[in-house]
Protein backbone atom coordinates (compact mmCIF):
# COMPACT_ATOMS: atom_id res chain seq x y z
CA MET A 1 130.53 -68.02 -1.33
CA ALA A 2 131.03 -67.20 -5.04
CA GLN A 3 127.91 -64.99 -4.96
CA ASN A 4 129.26 -63.04 -1.97
CA LYS A 5 132.58 -62.54 -3.75
CA ASN A 6 130.75 -61.31 -6.85
CA GLU A 7 128.75 -58.84 -4.76
CA GLU A 8 131.94 -57.57 -3.15
CA LEU A 9 133.58 -57.27 -6.59
CA GLY A 10 130.63 -55.24 -7.85
CA LYS A 11 130.60 -52.96 -4.82
CA ARG A 12 134.32 -52.26 -5.08
CA ALA A 13 133.97 -51.47 -8.77
CA SER A 14 130.98 -49.20 -8.17
CA GLU A 15 133.08 -47.18 -5.73
CA SER A 16 135.78 -46.72 -8.38
CA ILE A 17 133.78 -46.07 -11.55
CA LEU A 18 134.40 -42.60 -12.80
CA GLY A 19 130.94 -42.19 -14.21
CA PRO A 20 130.03 -39.49 -16.70
CA ASN A 21 132.90 -37.22 -17.65
CA PRO A 22 133.15 -35.93 -21.21
CA VAL A 23 136.51 -34.20 -20.93
CA ILE A 24 139.89 -35.90 -21.16
CA GLY A 25 141.23 -39.35 -20.42
CA ALA A 26 144.61 -40.85 -21.19
CA PRO A 27 145.15 -40.97 -24.98
CA THR A 28 147.14 -43.98 -26.21
CA ARG A 29 149.57 -41.74 -28.07
CA ASP A 30 150.41 -39.81 -24.90
CA ILE A 31 150.83 -42.99 -22.87
CA ILE A 32 153.31 -44.33 -25.41
CA SER A 33 155.15 -41.01 -25.48
CA THR A 34 155.39 -40.99 -21.68
CA ALA A 35 156.60 -44.60 -21.67
CA ARG A 36 159.42 -43.61 -24.04
CA GLN A 37 160.27 -40.71 -21.77
CA VAL A 38 160.50 -43.11 -18.82
CA MET A 39 162.87 -45.33 -20.80
CA ARG A 40 165.04 -42.37 -21.80
CA GLN A 41 165.25 -41.28 -18.17
CA THR A 42 167.33 -44.38 -17.33
CA ILE A 43 170.00 -43.08 -19.72
CA LYS A 44 169.70 -39.41 -18.79
CA GLN A 45 170.33 -40.14 -15.11
CA PRO A 46 172.55 -43.26 -15.12
CA VAL A 47 173.94 -42.79 -11.60
CA HIS A 48 170.47 -42.17 -10.21
CA SER A 49 169.14 -45.27 -12.04
CA LEU A 50 172.01 -47.51 -10.89
CA ARG A 51 171.49 -46.42 -7.31
CA HIS A 52 167.88 -47.63 -7.44
CA VAL A 53 168.89 -50.85 -9.20
CA GLY A 54 171.22 -51.49 -6.29
CA ARG A 55 168.48 -50.78 -3.78
CA LEU A 56 166.17 -53.17 -5.62
CA SER A 57 168.86 -55.87 -5.60
CA MET A 58 169.28 -55.50 -1.85
CA ALA A 59 165.51 -55.66 -1.32
CA VAL A 60 165.19 -58.81 -3.47
CA THR A 61 168.11 -60.42 -1.64
CA LYS A 62 166.29 -59.89 1.67
CA VAL A 63 163.18 -61.43 0.11
CA MET A 64 165.07 -64.50 -1.08
CA ILE A 65 166.68 -65.20 2.31
CA GLY A 66 163.35 -64.68 4.10
CA ARG A 67 164.24 -61.50 5.97
CA SER A 68 162.01 -59.04 4.11
CA GLU A 69 159.14 -57.32 5.89
CA ILE A 70 157.56 -55.97 2.70
CA ALA A 71 153.78 -56.41 2.78
CA PRO A 72 150.89 -55.17 0.66
CA ALA A 73 149.07 -52.02 1.75
CA PRO A 74 146.00 -52.66 3.94
CA GLU A 75 143.70 -51.41 1.17
CA ASP A 76 145.24 -53.79 -1.41
CA LYS A 77 142.76 -56.69 -1.48
CA ARG A 78 144.54 -58.69 -4.18
CA PHE A 79 146.72 -60.69 -1.77
CA LEU A 80 144.09 -61.64 0.83
CA ASP A 81 144.36 -65.36 0.06
CA PRO A 82 146.42 -66.84 2.95
CA THR A 83 148.62 -68.70 0.44
CA TRP A 84 150.36 -65.40 -0.36
CA SER A 85 151.59 -65.03 3.22
CA GLN A 86 151.88 -68.66 4.37
CA ASN A 87 153.49 -70.39 1.40
CA PRO A 88 157.23 -69.49 1.24
CA LEU A 89 157.39 -69.50 -2.57
CA TYR A 90 154.25 -67.43 -2.99
CA ARG A 91 155.35 -65.01 -0.27
CA ARG A 92 158.68 -64.43 -2.04
CA TYR A 93 156.89 -64.02 -5.38
CA MET A 94 154.59 -61.37 -3.87
CA GLN A 95 157.35 -59.55 -2.00
CA SER A 96 159.65 -59.43 -5.05
CA TYR A 97 156.83 -57.89 -7.05
CA LEU A 98 156.06 -55.32 -4.33
CA ALA A 99 159.76 -54.42 -4.00
CA TRP A 100 160.06 -53.91 -7.78
CA ARG A 101 156.91 -51.78 -7.92
CA THR A 102 157.98 -49.64 -4.97
CA GLU A 103 161.49 -49.04 -6.32
CA LEU A 104 160.22 -48.11 -9.77
CA ASN A 105 157.91 -45.48 -8.28
CA GLU A 106 160.61 -44.10 -6.01
CA TRP A 107 163.05 -43.95 -8.93
CA ILE A 108 160.72 -41.85 -11.08
CA THR A 109 159.49 -39.72 -8.17
CA SER A 110 163.05 -38.71 -7.22
CA SER A 111 164.13 -38.12 -10.84
CA ASN A 112 164.81 -34.65 -12.25
CA LEU A 113 161.67 -34.64 -14.42
CA PRO A 114 159.19 -31.75 -14.08
CA ALA A 115 156.30 -32.40 -11.69
CA GLN A 116 153.72 -32.88 -14.48
CA ASP A 117 155.96 -35.39 -16.26
CA VAL A 118 156.56 -37.24 -12.99
CA SER A 119 152.80 -37.56 -12.48
CA ARG A 120 152.35 -38.88 -16.01
CA ALA A 121 155.25 -41.28 -15.60
CA GLN A 122 153.81 -42.57 -12.33
CA PHE A 123 150.54 -43.26 -14.11
CA VAL A 124 152.26 -45.18 -16.91
CA ILE A 125 154.39 -47.13 -14.43
CA SER A 126 151.25 -48.03 -12.49
CA LEU A 127 149.67 -49.39 -15.69
CA LEU A 128 152.74 -51.60 -16.19
CA THR A 129 153.14 -52.79 -12.61
CA GLU A 130 149.43 -53.47 -12.01
CA ALA A 131 149.22 -55.44 -15.26
CA MET A 132 152.18 -57.58 -14.18
CA ALA A 133 150.84 -58.31 -10.70
CA PRO A 134 151.23 -61.99 -9.68
CA THR A 135 147.48 -62.13 -9.01
CA ASN A 136 146.80 -61.65 -12.73
CA THR A 137 148.59 -64.88 -13.73
CA ALA A 138 147.48 -68.50 -13.80
CA LEU A 139 149.64 -69.01 -10.69
CA ASN A 140 147.11 -67.04 -8.64
CA PRO A 141 146.37 -69.48 -5.77
CA ALA A 142 142.65 -68.77 -6.01
CA ALA A 143 142.75 -69.78 -9.69
CA VAL A 144 144.73 -72.95 -8.90
CA LYS A 145 142.23 -73.95 -6.21
CA ARG A 146 139.33 -73.19 -8.53
CA PHE A 147 140.91 -75.38 -11.23
CA PHE A 148 141.02 -78.41 -8.94
CA GLU A 149 137.59 -77.71 -7.44
CA THR A 150 135.96 -77.67 -10.88
CA GLY A 151 138.05 -80.41 -12.46
CA GLY A 152 139.50 -77.94 -14.96
CA LYS A 153 136.11 -76.52 -16.00
CA SER A 154 137.10 -73.06 -14.71
CA ILE A 155 139.67 -72.77 -17.51
CA LEU A 156 137.09 -73.62 -20.18
CA ASP A 157 134.61 -71.18 -18.66
CA GLY A 158 137.29 -68.48 -18.50
CA LEU A 159 138.28 -68.98 -22.12
CA THR A 160 134.60 -68.83 -23.10
CA HIS A 161 134.15 -65.54 -21.26
CA MET A 162 137.29 -64.14 -22.90
CA ALA A 163 136.08 -65.11 -26.37
CA GLN A 164 132.72 -63.47 -25.69
CA ASP A 165 134.39 -60.28 -24.50
CA ILE A 166 136.66 -60.17 -27.55
CA ALA A 167 133.61 -60.52 -29.79
CA ASN A 168 131.16 -58.30 -27.90
CA ASN A 169 133.01 -56.03 -25.46
CA GLY A 170 136.00 -54.74 -27.38
CA GLY A 171 138.34 -57.17 -25.63
CA MET A 172 137.69 -55.67 -22.18
CA PRO A 173 136.60 -57.96 -19.33
CA SER A 174 132.86 -57.54 -18.71
CA GLN A 175 132.10 -55.68 -15.50
CA VAL A 176 128.51 -56.86 -15.21
CA ASN A 177 126.08 -59.45 -16.49
CA MET A 178 124.10 -57.22 -18.86
CA ASN A 179 121.38 -59.88 -19.26
CA ALA A 180 120.38 -59.62 -15.60
CA PHE A 181 118.67 -56.24 -15.92
CA GLU A 182 116.08 -54.58 -18.11
CA VAL A 183 115.20 -50.91 -17.93
CA GLY A 184 111.51 -50.58 -17.12
CA LYS A 185 111.34 -54.10 -15.70
CA ASN A 186 113.73 -54.26 -12.74
CA LEU A 187 115.39 -50.84 -13.15
CA ALA A 188 113.67 -47.44 -13.52
CA VAL A 189 110.33 -48.76 -12.25
CA THR A 190 109.00 -45.81 -10.22
CA LYS A 191 105.49 -45.00 -11.48
CA GLY A 192 105.28 -41.99 -13.75
CA SER A 193 104.60 -40.79 -17.27
CA VAL A 194 106.26 -38.89 -20.07
CA VAL A 195 104.27 -35.66 -20.23
CA PHE A 196 106.36 -33.88 -22.87
CA ARG A 197 108.86 -34.75 -25.55
CA ASN A 198 110.91 -32.59 -27.88
CA GLU A 199 113.84 -33.43 -30.12
CA VAL A 200 116.33 -33.21 -27.25
CA LEU A 201 114.58 -34.57 -24.16
CA GLU A 202 111.63 -36.32 -22.61
CA LEU A 203 110.06 -34.88 -19.47
CA ILE A 204 108.96 -37.51 -16.96
CA GLN A 205 106.53 -36.68 -14.16
CA TYR A 206 106.40 -39.17 -11.29
CA LYS A 207 103.21 -40.15 -9.48
CA PRO A 208 102.97 -38.74 -5.94
CA LEU A 209 102.99 -41.28 -3.13
CA THR A 210 101.53 -38.88 -0.56
CA GLU A 211 98.12 -37.22 -0.25
CA GLU A 212 99.71 -33.78 0.02
CA VAL A 213 102.63 -32.19 -1.79
CA TYR A 214 104.63 -28.99 -1.63
CA GLU A 215 103.52 -26.54 -4.28
CA ARG A 216 107.01 -25.95 -5.63
CA PRO A 217 108.12 -28.89 -7.86
CA VAL A 218 111.62 -30.34 -8.31
CA LEU A 219 113.17 -30.85 -11.74
CA VAL A 220 116.18 -33.22 -11.97
CA VAL A 221 118.71 -32.62 -14.76
CA PRO A 222 121.00 -35.64 -15.31
CA PRO A 223 124.35 -35.56 -17.11
CA GLN A 224 124.15 -35.80 -20.89
CA ILE A 225 126.73 -38.57 -21.10
CA ASN A 226 124.78 -41.24 -19.17
CA LYS A 227 121.14 -42.24 -18.90
CA PHE A 228 118.82 -40.60 -16.39
CA TYR A 229 117.87 -43.71 -14.41
CA VAL A 230 120.82 -43.38 -12.05
CA PHE A 231 118.14 -41.33 -10.23
CA ASP A 232 115.66 -44.21 -10.45
CA LEU A 233 117.81 -47.32 -10.26
CA SER A 234 116.17 -49.89 -8.01
CA PRO A 235 113.25 -48.98 -5.71
CA GLU A 236 115.51 -48.86 -2.66
CA LYS A 237 118.12 -46.70 -4.47
CA SER A 238 115.74 -44.38 -6.32
CA LEU A 239 116.10 -40.68 -5.58
CA ALA A 240 112.95 -40.07 -7.66
CA ARG A 241 110.94 -42.47 -5.49
CA TYR A 242 112.39 -40.93 -2.33
CA LEU A 243 111.23 -37.48 -3.45
CA VAL A 244 107.66 -38.48 -4.31
CA ALA A 245 107.46 -40.42 -1.02
CA ASN A 246 108.43 -37.19 0.77
CA HIS A 247 105.78 -34.81 -0.56
CA MET A 248 107.74 -33.45 -3.54
CA GLN A 249 106.27 -33.06 -7.03
CA THR A 250 109.05 -34.65 -9.05
CA PHE A 251 110.05 -34.31 -12.71
CA VAL A 252 113.15 -35.79 -14.33
CA VAL A 253 114.70 -35.05 -17.73
CA SER A 254 115.60 -38.02 -19.94
CA TRP A 255 118.05 -36.83 -22.60
CA ARG A 256 117.91 -38.26 -26.09
CA ASN A 257 120.86 -40.43 -27.13
CA PRO A 258 122.26 -38.38 -30.05
CA THR A 259 123.59 -39.75 -33.33
CA LYS A 260 125.72 -38.17 -36.04
CA ALA A 261 122.59 -36.37 -37.23
CA GLN A 262 122.67 -34.31 -34.02
CA ARG A 263 126.38 -33.48 -34.23
CA GLU A 264 125.68 -29.71 -34.07
CA TRP A 265 123.81 -29.82 -30.78
CA GLY A 266 125.66 -27.58 -28.36
CA LEU A 267 125.16 -26.28 -24.83
CA SER A 268 122.63 -23.71 -26.02
CA THR A 269 120.62 -26.49 -27.72
CA TYR A 270 120.31 -28.33 -24.42
CA ILE A 271 119.52 -25.16 -22.47
CA GLU A 272 116.75 -24.13 -24.89
CA ALA A 273 115.22 -27.61 -24.54
CA LEU A 274 115.52 -27.36 -20.77
CA LYS A 275 113.84 -23.94 -20.76
CA GLU A 276 110.90 -25.46 -22.61
CA ALA A 277 110.70 -28.28 -20.06
CA ILE A 278 110.75 -25.79 -17.15
CA ASP A 279 107.86 -23.81 -18.61
CA ILE A 280 105.84 -27.02 -18.95
CA VAL A 281 106.61 -28.12 -15.37
CA LEU A 282 105.39 -24.73 -14.13
CA GLU A 283 102.27 -24.93 -16.29
CA ILE A 284 101.43 -28.46 -15.12
CA THR A 285 101.95 -27.69 -11.42
CA GLY A 286 100.62 -24.14 -11.40
CA SER A 287 103.73 -22.97 -9.56
CA LYS A 288 105.40 -19.68 -10.44
CA ASP A 289 108.87 -21.20 -9.96
CA LEU A 290 110.60 -24.48 -9.13
CA SER A 291 113.64 -26.15 -7.58
CA MET A 292 116.24 -27.87 -9.73
CA LEU A 293 118.93 -30.49 -9.31
CA GLY A 294 121.83 -30.79 -11.76
CA ALA A 295 124.38 -33.59 -11.57
CA CYS A 296 127.92 -33.63 -12.99
CA SER A 297 127.77 -32.23 -16.55
CA GLY A 298 124.06 -31.70 -15.91
CA GLY A 299 125.23 -29.35 -13.15
CA ILE A 300 127.27 -27.38 -15.67
CA THR A 301 124.16 -27.17 -17.86
CA THR A 302 122.00 -26.10 -14.92
CA ALA A 303 124.46 -23.41 -13.77
CA SER A 304 124.73 -22.05 -17.32
CA LEU A 305 120.92 -21.96 -17.60
CA LEU A 306 120.69 -20.07 -14.31
CA GLY A 307 123.29 -17.59 -15.51
CA HIS A 308 121.20 -17.13 -18.65
CA TYR A 309 118.04 -16.59 -16.57
CA ALA A 310 119.91 -14.07 -14.38
CA ALA A 311 120.95 -12.11 -17.48
CA LEU A 312 117.30 -12.05 -18.58
CA LYS A 313 116.07 -11.23 -15.04
CA GLU A 314 113.91 -14.37 -15.13
CA LYS A 315 113.00 -15.84 -11.72
CA LYS A 316 111.71 -19.27 -12.64
CA VAL A 317 114.15 -21.13 -10.38
CA HIS A 318 113.63 -20.55 -6.66
CA ALA A 319 116.44 -22.83 -5.43
CA PHE A 320 118.75 -25.41 -6.93
CA THR A 321 121.11 -28.24 -6.12
CA LEU A 322 124.48 -29.09 -7.66
CA LEU A 323 125.49 -32.71 -7.27
CA VAL A 324 129.18 -33.69 -7.80
CA SER A 325 129.53 -30.80 -10.26
CA VAL A 326 132.71 -28.88 -11.04
CA LEU A 327 132.33 -25.41 -12.54
CA ASP A 328 135.90 -24.31 -11.74
CA THR A 329 138.34 -26.56 -13.62
CA GLY A 330 141.39 -24.88 -12.13
CA ILE A 331 142.00 -27.81 -9.77
CA LYS A 332 143.66 -30.56 -11.81
CA THR A 333 143.10 -34.26 -11.21
CA GLN A 334 144.31 -37.58 -12.57
CA VAL A 335 141.44 -37.41 -15.07
CA ALA A 336 143.12 -34.34 -16.57
CA LEU A 337 146.66 -35.66 -16.33
CA PHE A 338 147.18 -35.67 -20.11
CA ALA A 339 144.98 -32.64 -20.81
CA ASP A 340 147.38 -30.40 -22.68
CA GLU A 341 146.65 -28.27 -25.74
CA ARG A 342 147.50 -31.03 -28.19
CA SER A 343 145.38 -33.68 -26.46
CA ILE A 344 142.38 -31.38 -26.17
CA GLU A 345 142.54 -30.48 -29.85
CA ALA A 346 142.98 -34.14 -30.82
CA ALA A 347 139.91 -35.10 -28.76
CA ARG A 348 137.89 -32.30 -30.31
CA ARG A 349 138.97 -33.23 -33.83
CA MET A 350 138.12 -36.89 -33.33
CA SER A 351 134.60 -36.22 -32.06
CA TYR A 352 133.95 -33.78 -34.92
CA GLN A 353 135.13 -36.36 -37.45
CA ASN A 354 132.84 -38.99 -35.92
CA GLY A 355 129.96 -36.62 -35.24
CA VAL A 356 129.68 -37.88 -31.65
CA LEU A 357 131.77 -38.93 -28.68
CA GLU A 358 130.97 -42.60 -28.06
CA GLY A 359 130.27 -43.34 -24.43
CA ARG A 360 131.59 -46.90 -24.65
CA ASP A 361 134.93 -45.65 -25.99
CA MET A 362 135.19 -43.15 -23.18
CA ALA A 363 134.30 -45.85 -20.64
CA LYS A 364 137.30 -47.91 -21.82
CA VAL A 365 139.62 -44.95 -21.40
CA PHE A 366 138.42 -44.26 -17.88
CA ALA A 367 138.57 -47.93 -16.88
CA TRP A 368 142.35 -47.69 -17.29
CA MET A 369 142.38 -44.86 -14.76
CA ARG A 370 141.38 -47.44 -12.12
CA PRO A 371 142.77 -50.66 -13.65
CA ASN A 372 142.80 -52.83 -10.53
CA ASP A 373 139.15 -52.24 -9.68
CA LEU A 374 137.77 -51.89 -13.19
CA ILE A 375 139.90 -54.28 -15.29
CA TRP A 376 142.18 -56.69 -13.47
CA ASN A 377 139.62 -57.68 -10.85
CA TYR A 378 137.40 -58.82 -13.70
CA TRP A 379 140.30 -60.47 -15.50
CA VAL A 380 140.78 -62.65 -12.43
CA ASN A 381 137.08 -63.22 -11.76
CA ASN A 382 135.92 -63.86 -15.33
CA TYR A 383 138.95 -65.54 -16.91
CA LEU A 384 141.17 -67.08 -14.22
CA LEU A 385 138.36 -68.21 -11.92
CA GLY A 386 135.83 -68.79 -14.69
CA ASN A 387 133.07 -66.98 -12.78
CA GLU A 388 130.22 -65.07 -14.36
CA PRO A 389 130.49 -61.25 -14.20
CA PRO A 390 128.68 -59.85 -11.15
CA VAL A 391 125.03 -58.84 -11.14
CA PHE A 392 125.13 -55.24 -9.96
CA ASP A 393 122.69 -52.51 -10.96
CA ILE A 394 125.09 -49.55 -10.75
CA LEU A 395 127.54 -51.28 -13.08
CA PHE A 396 124.73 -52.05 -15.53
CA TRP A 397 123.86 -48.35 -15.63
CA ASN A 398 127.52 -47.40 -16.03
CA ASN A 399 127.84 -49.77 -18.99
CA ASP A 400 124.58 -48.60 -20.58
CA THR A 401 126.43 -45.75 -22.25
CA THR A 402 125.24 -42.93 -24.46
CA ARG A 403 126.87 -40.57 -26.93
CA LEU A 404 127.66 -36.88 -26.77
CA PRO A 405 127.19 -34.57 -29.79
CA ALA A 406 130.45 -33.30 -31.23
CA ALA A 407 129.50 -29.66 -30.71
CA LEU A 408 128.69 -30.12 -27.01
CA HIS A 409 131.82 -32.19 -26.50
CA GLY A 410 133.87 -29.43 -28.13
CA GLU A 411 132.29 -26.84 -25.84
CA PHE A 412 133.00 -28.93 -22.74
CA LEU A 413 136.61 -29.27 -23.86
CA GLU A 414 136.86 -25.52 -24.41
CA MET A 415 135.35 -24.88 -20.98
CA PHE A 416 137.87 -27.25 -19.44
CA LYS A 417 140.68 -25.46 -21.25
CA THR A 418 139.69 -21.82 -20.62
CA ASN A 419 137.66 -22.15 -17.37
CA PRO A 420 135.16 -19.45 -18.44
CA LEU A 421 132.63 -19.83 -15.61
CA THR A 422 135.20 -18.38 -13.20
CA ARG A 423 135.13 -15.07 -15.09
CA PRO A 424 132.07 -12.84 -15.58
CA LYS A 425 130.72 -12.88 -19.13
CA ALA A 426 133.45 -15.15 -20.47
CA LEU A 427 130.84 -17.73 -21.51
CA GLU A 428 127.81 -17.00 -23.66
CA VAL A 429 124.78 -19.26 -24.02
CA CYS A 430 121.53 -18.65 -25.86
CA GLY A 431 122.71 -15.17 -26.79
CA THR A 432 123.46 -13.95 -23.26
CA PRO A 433 126.78 -13.68 -21.38
CA ILE A 434 126.97 -15.59 -18.09
CA ASP A 435 127.94 -14.12 -14.73
CA LEU A 436 127.43 -16.73 -11.99
CA LYS A 437 127.67 -14.11 -9.25
CA GLN A 438 124.32 -12.81 -10.50
CA VAL A 439 122.71 -16.17 -9.68
CA LYS A 440 121.27 -15.24 -6.27
CA ALA A 441 119.06 -18.24 -5.50
CA ASP A 442 119.75 -20.45 -2.49
CA PHE A 443 121.58 -23.61 -3.49
CA PHE A 444 122.64 -26.94 -2.01
CA CYS A 445 125.98 -28.38 -3.12
CA ILE A 446 126.89 -32.06 -2.63
CA ALA A 447 130.39 -33.44 -3.14
CA GLY A 448 132.07 -36.77 -2.43
CA LEU A 449 135.04 -37.05 -0.08
CA ASN A 450 136.48 -39.95 -2.13
CA ASP A 451 135.42 -38.63 -5.53
CA HIS A 452 138.26 -38.97 -8.07
CA ILE A 453 136.51 -37.35 -11.04
CA THR A 454 134.98 -34.23 -9.45
CA PRO A 455 137.15 -33.77 -6.33
CA TRP A 456 135.29 -32.29 -3.40
CA ASP A 457 137.62 -29.29 -3.09
CA ALA A 458 136.94 -28.46 -6.76
CA CYS A 459 133.19 -28.68 -6.06
CA TYR A 460 133.72 -26.39 -3.05
CA LYS A 461 135.63 -23.83 -5.13
CA SER A 462 132.90 -24.06 -7.76
CA ALA A 463 130.21 -23.29 -5.19
CA GLN A 464 132.04 -20.06 -4.33
CA LEU A 465 131.51 -18.82 -7.88
CA LEU A 466 127.76 -18.42 -7.36
CA GLY A 467 126.03 -15.46 -5.77
CA GLY A 468 123.39 -17.20 -3.64
CA LYS A 469 123.45 -18.68 -0.15
CA CYS A 470 125.15 -22.09 -0.24
CA GLU A 471 124.54 -25.17 1.91
CA PHE A 472 127.64 -27.27 1.20
CA VAL A 473 127.49 -30.95 2.17
CA LEU A 474 130.30 -33.47 1.85
CA SER A 475 129.37 -37.13 1.52
CA SER A 476 131.84 -39.78 2.69
CA SER A 477 131.41 -41.66 -0.62
CA GLY A 478 132.86 -41.55 -4.13
CA HIS A 479 131.44 -40.09 -7.34
CA ILE A 480 128.48 -42.37 -8.10
CA GLN A 481 127.98 -43.56 -4.52
CA SER A 482 127.46 -39.94 -3.50
CA ILE A 483 124.40 -39.89 -5.74
CA LEU A 484 123.12 -43.33 -4.74
CA ASN A 485 123.06 -42.72 -1.01
CA PRO A 486 119.64 -43.78 0.36
CA PRO A 487 118.93 -43.60 4.09
CA GLY A 488 119.54 -46.67 6.22
CA ASN A 489 123.15 -47.48 5.33
CA PRO A 490 124.98 -47.73 8.69
CA LYS A 491 128.27 -46.86 6.97
CA SER A 492 127.02 -43.63 5.40
CA ARG A 493 128.31 -40.35 6.77
CA PHE A 494 128.27 -36.73 5.63
CA PHE A 495 129.76 -33.45 6.80
CA THR A 496 128.04 -30.08 7.25
CA ASN A 497 129.25 -26.63 8.23
CA THR A 498 127.33 -23.39 8.59
CA HIS A 499 130.41 -21.40 7.55
CA MET A 500 132.01 -21.21 4.10
CA PRO A 501 135.65 -20.12 4.52
CA ASP A 502 137.75 -19.63 1.40
CA ASP A 503 139.89 -22.68 2.15
CA PRO A 504 138.06 -26.02 1.70
CA LYS A 505 140.45 -27.75 4.13
CA GLN A 506 139.48 -25.24 6.79
CA TRP A 507 135.82 -25.99 6.07
CA LEU A 508 136.41 -29.71 6.64
CA GLU A 509 138.44 -29.18 9.80
CA THR A 510 135.53 -27.33 11.43
CA ALA A 511 132.72 -29.41 9.88
CA THR A 512 130.28 -31.60 11.81
CA LYS A 513 130.08 -35.29 10.94
CA GLN A 514 126.51 -36.56 10.55
CA ALA A 515 125.31 -40.17 10.50
CA ASP A 516 123.34 -41.79 7.65
CA SER A 517 122.55 -40.24 4.25
CA TRP A 518 122.57 -36.64 3.07
CA TRP A 519 119.22 -37.40 1.38
CA THR A 520 117.26 -36.69 4.59
CA TYR A 521 119.20 -33.49 5.23
CA TRP A 522 118.55 -32.36 1.64
CA ARG A 523 114.85 -33.29 1.93
CA ASP A 524 114.47 -30.94 4.90
CA TRP A 525 116.30 -28.22 2.96
CA LEU A 526 113.89 -28.69 0.02
CA HIS A 527 110.84 -28.69 2.29
CA ALA A 528 111.94 -25.36 3.78
CA ARG A 529 111.88 -23.94 0.24
CA GLY A 530 108.92 -25.90 -1.07
CA GLY A 531 106.21 -23.31 -0.50
CA LYS A 532 102.76 -24.22 0.75
CA ILE A 533 101.34 -27.71 1.17
CA LYS A 534 98.48 -28.59 -1.17
CA PRO A 535 96.56 -31.75 -2.18
CA ALA A 536 98.52 -34.02 -4.49
CA PRO A 537 97.32 -33.94 -8.12
CA ALA A 538 94.85 -36.70 -8.91
CA LYS A 539 96.45 -37.32 -12.29
CA LEU A 540 99.69 -36.57 -14.09
CA GLY A 541 100.08 -33.83 -16.68
CA ASN A 542 97.23 -31.51 -17.58
CA GLU A 543 94.88 -30.87 -20.49
CA ASP A 544 97.63 -29.48 -22.70
CA TYR A 545 100.28 -31.99 -21.65
CA ALA A 546 98.56 -35.30 -21.12
CA PRO A 547 100.60 -38.40 -20.30
CA MET A 548 102.11 -39.80 -23.52
CA GLU A 549 103.49 -43.10 -22.23
CA ALA A 550 104.58 -44.70 -19.00
CA ALA A 551 107.97 -43.98 -17.51
CA PRO A 552 110.83 -44.56 -18.24
CA GLY A 553 109.79 -43.45 -21.75
CA THR A 554 111.31 -44.00 -25.18
CA TYR A 555 114.60 -42.09 -25.26
CA VAL A 556 116.14 -44.19 -22.47
CA HIS A 557 115.92 -47.28 -24.69
CA GLU A 558 117.72 -45.74 -27.66
CA ARG A 559 121.05 -47.38 -28.51
């Protein structure tokens, strides 16, 4: 039973993790400032505030006399224990909390604050109310039952886990048992070799699993802020394995984990390294061009590279795929809630002072964007129930963070601020101005319907910036689950539409829902652009680029 609950906890968290995003979170200074603004609002609108105090009093009175019908939302899993609904005291405790939370949100929503300040205030209020949820206390009925079941051992185990997290995890509840996985042993195990390495990246070629392959290879470009093996997680979740099992010659970039010594690496540094890798892929395979896949910030890098190639009239990329990638930052999200001029400059200054943006620090910031799923669930599981953190591969990858060079972080911040890819020649990389409308290659764009970090409508608007023919596909999943979407999941769905109207909502209204994973649909799209079929290579690399070491290589292990 405990194992099933841990699996469910891990799955829920994996659907909420925000994954790699090197832009803006919620700075502590801005949260405190917004909290003060919320406090001042009670004085600025006294009549408005008193009206809501009165409404709360009436709601609590109904709770106390047992006439309240307040209930948690269907998607709120915190109060599933029957004690919350069957025990009169617990039911009143829960309903009083829900009434307070609801009235606080309605008070700030109907205040006279500007819309942006209301959104920020709602976020701060949610931090307060979710932290003070009855389920987070020792009175949680599941914790009380666990205490008696274990003879009090659950408390000792919980305190032990808390002490370990204070010492080793910055005081945050651990999301995953990091000792349960090892990269190269039970993660990233698809057979392949590093066939090239430069200062910035390793190039991994995977061993074909078919006797014949398409002549045009695929090169996968992961985001710079997380490690590449999200594309080669476990054998059943490995996109790399799926490709080589479906006649595709497959190469994946493994970025180096930069230190302060690489603080000056910028977007052009990564693109120059990627250009070198592309030339080597073409030399090894004998193909005149290739297909590419870029994910998240790797999609920004890929699009910028293609704009650079277009400026040079280079035709080394026949087709490409953008996976949960936003090129048009005009659509604002909760991730960018506090992204004003001051916050952007503060973030830029901090990374330049440190030389890098630490992935683990960013992970903490983004955990607070989804506190119930990424913090308080683990508070209950690890500390109140005394359970071990779940064993879940996606969460291990998400916690195996990397760094971002200060220069690249600064460029991403500037791109977020000025949105240059929406304007011809507003961005320059490797000495050439970028005009995405000049990128004429066919491309496949995947977005996630429940993606909080790169919203699907922002991905849709981004696709319209490019000049080639687009196949836009909308997965029914979130950010990371849109990537890890192997065939065979009966719950998986995706949407397709042969038309690309300007309005993304119109696209969805006329889209066709398809069963299973977009992977199979994408495979057929790749095959149609794969060129001729030829015998699979008998060995990896070639005379000039012989295999250096087995996948997953060296860079992935750097801390």
